[in-house]
Amino acid sequence: MSYIQGFVVPVPKAKKETYIKLAAASAPIFMEYGAVRVVENWSENTPDGKVTDYKKAVQATADEAVVFSWIEWPDQKTCDGAAQKMESDPRWGEMGEMPFDGKRLIYAGFETIFET
């Protein structure tokens, strides 16, 4: 089964197009590193939770949307190898400033345990 790298990040609503351009430029690099699929999702319906929710998780403000994205890898080894390649790939530095506060980005790696 595959390995999923998941991300949640608040992005200023005014920077949606900038974020899309960044995602479009990044995806082919991830695919070159071995990713099977890259998916980016812009929040449309993020209800407030009583204890926690997506907005609280990343401290999103009223002028920010929550982006939920994931990269599907064939396995964890490929994902880990991609992380090593990113460290020395100059294309990441050429993309310029990120259109979000990276300190509030949350991410994790997940073993797929079921799919249909």
N, C-alpha and C. Protein backbone atom coordinates (compact mmCIF):
# COMPACT_ATOMS: atom_id res chain seq x y z
N MET A 1 0.84 -1.19 0.00
CA MET A 1 0.00 0.00 0.00
C MET A 1 0.88 1.25 0.00
N SER A 2 0.28 2.36 -0.29
CA SER A 2 1.02 3.61 -0.43
C SER A 2 1.30 4.28 0.92
N TYR A 3 2.09 5.33 0.84
CA TYR A 3 2.45 6.14 1.99
C TYR A 3 1.98 7.56 1.69
N ILE A 4 1.30 8.17 2.64
CA ILE A 4 0.72 9.50 2.43
C ILE A 4 1.41 10.52 3.32
N GLN A 5 1.81 11.62 2.71
CA GLN A 5 2.35 12.76 3.43
C GLN A 5 1.26 13.82 3.41
N GLY A 6 0.72 14.16 4.58
CA GLY A 6 -0.40 15.10 4.66
C GLY A 6 0.01 16.45 5.23
N PHE A 7 -0.66 17.49 4.75
CA PHE A 7 -0.35 18.87 5.15
C PHE A 7 -1.62 19.66 5.40
N VAL A 8 -1.59 20.54 6.38
CA VAL A 8 -2.65 21.51 6.63
C VAL A 8 -1.95 22.84 6.89
N VAL A 9 -2.36 23.88 6.16
CA VAL A 9 -1.71 25.19 6.31
C VAL A 9 -2.72 26.30 6.05
N PRO A 10 -2.65 27.39 6.84
CA PRO A 10 -3.50 28.54 6.55
C PRO A 10 -2.84 29.41 5.48
N VAL A 11 -3.62 29.85 4.51
CA VAL A 11 -3.11 30.69 3.43
C VAL A 11 -4.01 31.91 3.31
N PRO A 12 -3.44 33.11 3.26
CA PRO A 12 -4.28 34.30 3.07
C PRO A 12 -5.16 34.14 1.82
N LYS A 13 -6.43 34.44 1.96
CA LYS A 13 -7.36 34.30 0.84
C LYS A 13 -6.90 35.15 -0.34
N ALA A 14 -6.28 36.27 -0.08
CA ALA A 14 -5.80 37.15 -1.14
C ALA A 14 -4.63 36.54 -1.92
N LYS A 15 -4.04 35.47 -1.38
CA LYS A 15 -2.89 34.84 -2.04
C LYS A 15 -3.25 33.48 -2.65
N LYS A 16 -4.52 33.25 -2.91
CA LYS A 16 -4.95 31.97 -3.46
C LYS A 16 -4.26 31.67 -4.79
N GLU A 17 -4.26 32.61 -5.71
CA GLU A 17 -3.65 32.37 -7.02
C GLU A 17 -2.15 32.14 -6.90
N THR A 18 -1.50 32.86 -6.00
CA THR A 18 -0.07 32.66 -5.78
C THR A 18 0.19 31.26 -5.26
N TYR A 19 -0.68 30.80 -4.34
CA TYR A 19 -0.53 29.44 -3.80
C TYR A 19 -0.72 28.40 -4.91
N ILE A 20 -1.72 28.61 -5.75
CA ILE A 20 -1.98 27.66 -6.84
C ILE A 20 -0.76 27.58 -7.77
N LYS A 21 -0.16 28.72 -8.07
CA LYS A 21 1.04 28.73 -8.92
C LYS A 21 2.19 27.96 -8.26
N LEU A 22 2.35 28.15 -6.95
CA LEU A 22 3.38 27.43 -6.22
C LEU A 22 3.12 25.92 -6.27
N ALA A 23 1.87 25.53 -6.05
CA ALA A 23 1.51 24.11 -6.08
C ALA A 23 1.76 23.53 -7.47
N ALA A 24 1.41 24.28 -8.50
CA ALA A 24 1.59 23.81 -9.88
C ALA A 24 3.08 23.67 -10.22
N ALA A 25 3.92 24.53 -9.66
CA ALA A 25 5.35 24.45 -9.91
C ALA A 25 6.00 23.33 -9.09
N SER A 26 5.46 23.06 -7.91
CA SER A 26 6.03 22.05 -7.01
C SER A 26 5.67 20.62 -7.42
N ALA A 27 4.46 20.42 -7.88
CA ALA A 27 3.98 19.06 -8.17
C ALA A 27 4.89 18.29 -9.12
N PRO A 28 5.33 18.87 -10.24
CA PRO A 28 6.20 18.09 -11.13
C PRO A 28 7.53 17.67 -10.47
N ILE A 29 8.00 18.48 -9.55
CA ILE A 29 9.24 18.12 -8.86
C ILE A 29 8.99 16.93 -7.94
N PHE A 30 7.87 16.97 -7.20
CA PHE A 30 7.53 15.82 -6.36
C PHE A 30 7.37 14.56 -7.20
N MET A 31 6.74 14.70 -8.37
CA MET A 31 6.55 13.54 -9.25
C MET A 31 7.91 13.02 -9.73
N GLU A 32 8.81 13.93 -10.03
CA GLU A 32 10.17 13.54 -10.44
C GLU A 32 10.86 12.75 -9.32
N TYR A 33 10.59 13.14 -8.07
CA TYR A 33 11.17 12.45 -6.91
C TYR A 33 10.51 11.10 -6.64
N GLY A 34 9.41 10.80 -7.33
CA GLY A 34 8.76 9.50 -7.15
C GLY A 34 7.34 9.54 -6.63
N ALA A 35 6.79 10.73 -6.41
CA ALA A 35 5.39 10.82 -5.95
C ALA A 35 4.46 10.22 -6.99
N VAL A 36 3.39 9.61 -6.52
CA VAL A 36 2.38 9.03 -7.39
C VAL A 36 1.30 10.06 -7.70
N ARG A 37 1.00 10.90 -6.71
CA ARG A 37 -0.08 11.89 -6.87
C ARG A 37 0.12 13.01 -5.88
N VAL A 38 -0.21 14.23 -6.31
CA VAL A 38 -0.16 15.40 -5.45
C VAL A 38 -1.55 16.05 -5.51
N VAL A 39 -2.14 16.28 -4.34
CA VAL A 39 -3.50 16.85 -4.29
C VAL A 39 -3.50 18.06 -3.37
N GLU A 40 -4.04 19.17 -3.85
CA GLU A 40 -4.16 20.41 -3.08
C GLU A 40 -5.64 20.77 -3.00
N ASN A 41 -6.11 21.14 -1.81
CA ASN A 41 -7.53 21.45 -1.60
C ASN A 41 -7.69 22.75 -0.82
N TRP A 42 -8.50 23.66 -1.34
CA TRP A 42 -8.77 24.96 -0.72
C TRP A 42 -10.07 24.86 0.06
N SER A 43 -10.09 25.29 1.31
CA SER A 43 -11.27 25.13 2.15
C SER A 43 -12.47 25.90 1.62
N GLU A 44 -13.60 25.23 1.65
CA GLU A 44 -14.88 25.82 1.27
C GLU A 44 -15.85 25.78 2.44
N ASN A 45 -15.74 24.73 3.24
CA ASN A 45 -16.64 24.53 4.36
C ASN A 45 -15.83 23.99 5.52
N THR A 46 -15.39 24.88 6.41
CA THR A 46 -14.59 24.46 7.56
C THR A 46 -15.32 24.90 8.82
N PRO A 47 -16.24 24.07 9.29
CA PRO A 47 -17.04 24.44 10.46
C PRO A 47 -16.20 24.59 11.73
N ASP A 48 -16.66 25.44 12.60
CA ASP A 48 -16.02 25.61 13.90
C ASP A 48 -16.35 24.41 14.77
N GLY A 49 -15.34 23.84 15.38
CA GLY A 49 -15.55 22.71 16.28
C GLY A 49 -15.70 23.19 17.72
N LYS A 50 -16.20 22.34 18.57
CA LYS A 50 -16.34 22.70 19.99
C LYS A 50 -15.01 22.57 20.72
N VAL A 51 -14.19 21.63 20.32
CA VAL A 51 -12.90 21.43 20.97
C VAL A 51 -11.75 21.82 20.04
N THR A 52 -11.80 21.30 18.81
CA THR A 52 -10.77 21.63 17.83
C THR A 52 -11.36 21.55 16.43
N ASP A 53 -10.67 22.07 15.47
CA ASP A 53 -11.08 22.01 14.07
C ASP A 53 -9.88 22.39 13.22
N TYR A 54 -10.06 22.37 11.91
CA TYR A 54 -8.94 22.68 11.01
C TYR A 54 -8.40 24.09 11.22
N LYS A 55 -9.28 25.06 11.39
CA LYS A 55 -8.84 26.45 11.58
C LYS A 55 -8.05 26.60 12.88
N LYS A 56 -8.54 26.02 13.95
CA LYS A 56 -7.83 26.10 15.23
C LYS A 56 -6.48 25.39 15.16
N ALA A 57 -6.43 24.29 14.43
CA ALA A 57 -5.20 23.50 14.36
C ALA A 57 -4.04 24.32 13.80
N VAL A 58 -4.34 25.25 12.90
CA VAL A 58 -3.28 26.06 12.28
C VAL A 58 -3.41 27.54 12.60
N GLN A 59 -4.27 27.85 13.57
CA GLN A 59 -4.49 29.23 14.02
C GLN A 59 -4.86 30.15 12.85
N ALA A 60 -5.74 29.68 11.97
CA ALA A 60 -6.17 30.47 10.82
C ALA A 60 -7.01 31.66 11.27
N THR A 61 -6.79 32.78 10.63
CA THR A 61 -7.55 33.99 10.90
C THR A 61 -8.70 34.10 9.91
N ALA A 62 -9.58 35.07 10.10
CA ALA A 62 -10.75 35.24 9.24
C ALA A 62 -10.37 35.52 7.79
N ASP A 63 -9.20 36.09 7.56
CA ASP A 63 -8.79 36.39 6.18
C ASP A 63 -7.95 35.28 5.56
N GLU A 64 -7.92 34.11 6.20
CA GLU A 64 -7.16 32.97 5.69
C GLU A 64 -8.07 31.79 5.40
N ALA A 65 -7.72 31.04 4.37
CA ALA A 65 -8.37 29.77 4.07
C ALA A 65 -7.44 28.66 4.57
N VAL A 66 -8.00 27.50 4.80
CA VAL A 66 -7.19 26.35 5.20
C VAL A 66 -6.98 25.48 3.96
N VAL A 67 -5.73 25.16 3.70
CA VAL A 67 -5.39 24.26 2.61
C VAL A 67 -5.08 22.90 3.22
N PHE A 68 -5.73 21.89 2.68
CA PHE A 68 -5.53 20.50 3.09
C PHE A 68 -4.97 19.79 1.86
N SER A 69 -3.78 19.26 1.99
CA SER A 69 -3.17 18.63 0.82
C SER A 69 -2.45 17.36 1.23
N TRP A 70 -2.16 16.55 0.21
CA TRP A 70 -1.39 15.35 0.47
C TRP A 70 -0.60 14.95 -0.77
N ILE A 71 0.47 14.24 -0.49
CA ILE A 71 1.28 13.66 -1.55
C ILE A 71 1.26 12.15 -1.32
N GLU A 72 0.91 11.43 -2.37
CA GLU A 72 0.90 9.97 -2.29
C GLU A 72 2.22 9.45 -2.85
N TRP A 73 2.89 8.64 -2.04
CA TRP A 73 4.17 8.02 -2.42
C TRP A 73 3.97 6.52 -2.51
N PRO A 74 4.78 5.82 -3.28
CA PRO A 74 4.64 4.37 -3.33
C PRO A 74 4.97 3.71 -1.98
N ASP A 75 5.87 4.36 -1.21
CA ASP A 75 6.26 3.81 0.09
C ASP A 75 7.01 4.90 0.87
N GLN A 76 7.26 4.64 2.14
CA GLN A 76 7.94 5.62 2.99
C GLN A 76 9.39 5.85 2.54
N LYS A 77 10.03 4.81 2.05
CA LYS A 77 11.42 4.95 1.61
C LYS A 77 11.53 5.99 0.48
N THR A 78 10.60 5.97 -0.46
CA THR A 78 10.60 6.94 -1.55
C THR A 78 10.36 8.34 -1.02
N CYS A 79 9.43 8.46 -0.08
CA CYS A 79 9.15 9.77 0.53
C CYS A 79 10.38 10.31 1.25
N ASP A 80 11.01 9.47 2.04
CA ASP A 80 12.21 9.88 2.77
C ASP A 80 13.33 10.27 1.80
N GLY A 81 13.46 9.54 0.71
CA GLY A 81 14.46 9.86 -0.29
C GLY A 81 14.19 11.20 -0.95
N ALA A 82 12.92 11.51 -1.16
CA ALA A 82 12.54 12.80 -1.74
C ALA A 82 12.92 13.94 -0.79
N ALA A 83 12.73 13.73 0.49
CA ALA A 83 13.08 14.76 1.48
C ALA A 83 14.58 15.06 1.41
N GLN A 84 15.39 14.04 1.23
CA GLN A 84 16.84 14.24 1.10
C GLN A 84 17.17 15.00 -0.18
N LYS A 85 16.49 14.69 -1.27
CA LYS A 85 16.73 15.36 -2.54
C LYS A 85 16.35 16.84 -2.46
N MET A 86 15.29 17.13 -1.71
CA MET A 86 14.83 18.52 -1.59
C MET A 86 15.90 19.42 -0.98
N GLU A 87 16.67 18.87 -0.06
CA GLU A 87 17.68 19.66 0.64
C GLU A 87 18.72 20.26 -0.29
N SER A 88 19.01 19.59 -1.40
CA SER A 88 20.05 20.09 -2.30
C SER A 88 19.52 20.54 -3.66
N ASP A 89 18.22 20.49 -3.86
CA ASP A 89 17.65 20.87 -5.15
C ASP A 89 17.45 22.39 -5.20
N PRO A 90 18.17 23.09 -6.07
CA PRO A 90 18.09 24.55 -6.10
C PRO A 90 16.74 25.09 -6.59
N ARG A 91 15.91 24.26 -7.19
CA ARG A 91 14.61 24.74 -7.69
C ARG A 91 13.72 25.24 -6.57
N TRP A 92 13.87 24.69 -5.37
CA TRP A 92 13.03 25.14 -4.26
C TRP A 92 13.36 26.58 -3.89
N GLY A 93 14.62 26.93 -3.89
CA GLY A 93 15.04 28.30 -3.58
C GLY A 93 14.62 29.29 -4.65
N GLU A 94 14.47 28.82 -5.86
CA GLU A 94 14.09 29.69 -6.98
C GLU A 94 12.60 30.04 -6.97
N MET A 95 11.81 29.37 -6.16
CA MET A 95 10.37 29.62 -6.14
C MET A 95 9.99 30.89 -5.39
N GLY A 96 10.94 31.45 -4.67
CA GLY A 96 10.66 32.70 -3.97
C GLY A 96 9.98 32.46 -2.63
N GLU A 97 9.42 33.53 -2.12
CA GLU A 97 8.78 33.51 -0.80
C GLU A 97 7.49 32.69 -0.82
N MET A 98 7.31 31.91 0.23
CA MET A 98 6.09 31.11 0.35
C MET A 98 4.90 32.02 0.67
N PRO A 99 3.73 31.77 0.08
CA PRO A 99 2.57 32.63 0.32
C PRO A 99 1.79 32.26 1.59
N PHE A 100 2.49 31.75 2.59
CA PHE A 100 1.85 31.37 3.85
C PHE A 100 2.89 31.39 4.96
N ASP A 101 2.40 31.32 6.19
CA ASP A 101 3.27 31.29 7.36
C ASP A 101 3.66 29.84 7.64
N GLY A 102 4.88 29.47 7.26
CA GLY A 102 5.33 28.10 7.42
C GLY A 102 5.38 27.61 8.85
N LYS A 103 5.41 28.52 9.82
CA LYS A 103 5.42 28.12 11.23
C LYS A 103 4.10 27.49 11.64
N ARG A 104 3.03 27.77 10.88
CA ARG A 104 1.71 27.22 11.23
C ARG A 104 1.32 26.05 10.33
N LEU A 105 2.20 25.62 9.47
CA LEU A 105 1.95 24.44 8.64
C LEU A 105 2.12 23.20 9.52
N ILE A 106 1.18 22.29 9.42
CA ILE A 106 1.34 21.01 10.12
C ILE A 106 1.41 19.90 9.07
N TYR A 107 2.23 18.90 9.33
CA TYR A 107 2.38 17.81 8.38
C TYR A 107 2.73 16.53 9.12
N ALA A 108 2.50 15.43 8.45
CA ALA A 108 2.83 14.12 9.01
C ALA A 108 2.84 13.10 7.89
N GLY A 109 3.46 11.96 8.16
CA GLY A 109 3.46 10.85 7.22
C GLY A 109 2.54 9.75 7.74
N PHE A 110 1.82 9.11 6.83
CA PHE A 110 0.82 8.12 7.21
C PHE A 110 0.97 6.84 6.39
N GLU A 111 0.96 5.74 7.08
CA GLU A 111 0.92 4.43 6.43
C GLU A 111 -0.53 4.17 6.02
N THR A 112 -0.76 3.80 4.79
CA THR A 112 -2.11 3.46 4.36
C THR A 112 -2.47 2.09 4.94
N ILE A 113 -3.59 2.02 5.65
CA ILE A 113 -3.99 0.76 6.27
C ILE A 113 -5.25 0.18 5.63
N PHE A 114 -5.95 1.00 4.83
CA PHE A 114 -7.14 0.51 4.13
C PHE A 114 -7.45 1.47 3.00
N GLU A 115 -7.88 0.94 1.88
CA GLU A 115 -8.37 1.78 0.79
C GLU A 115 -9.38 0.98 -0.02
N THR A 116 -10.27 1.68 -0.68
CA THR A 116 -11.28 1.01 -1.50
C THR A 116 -11.51 1.78 -2.77
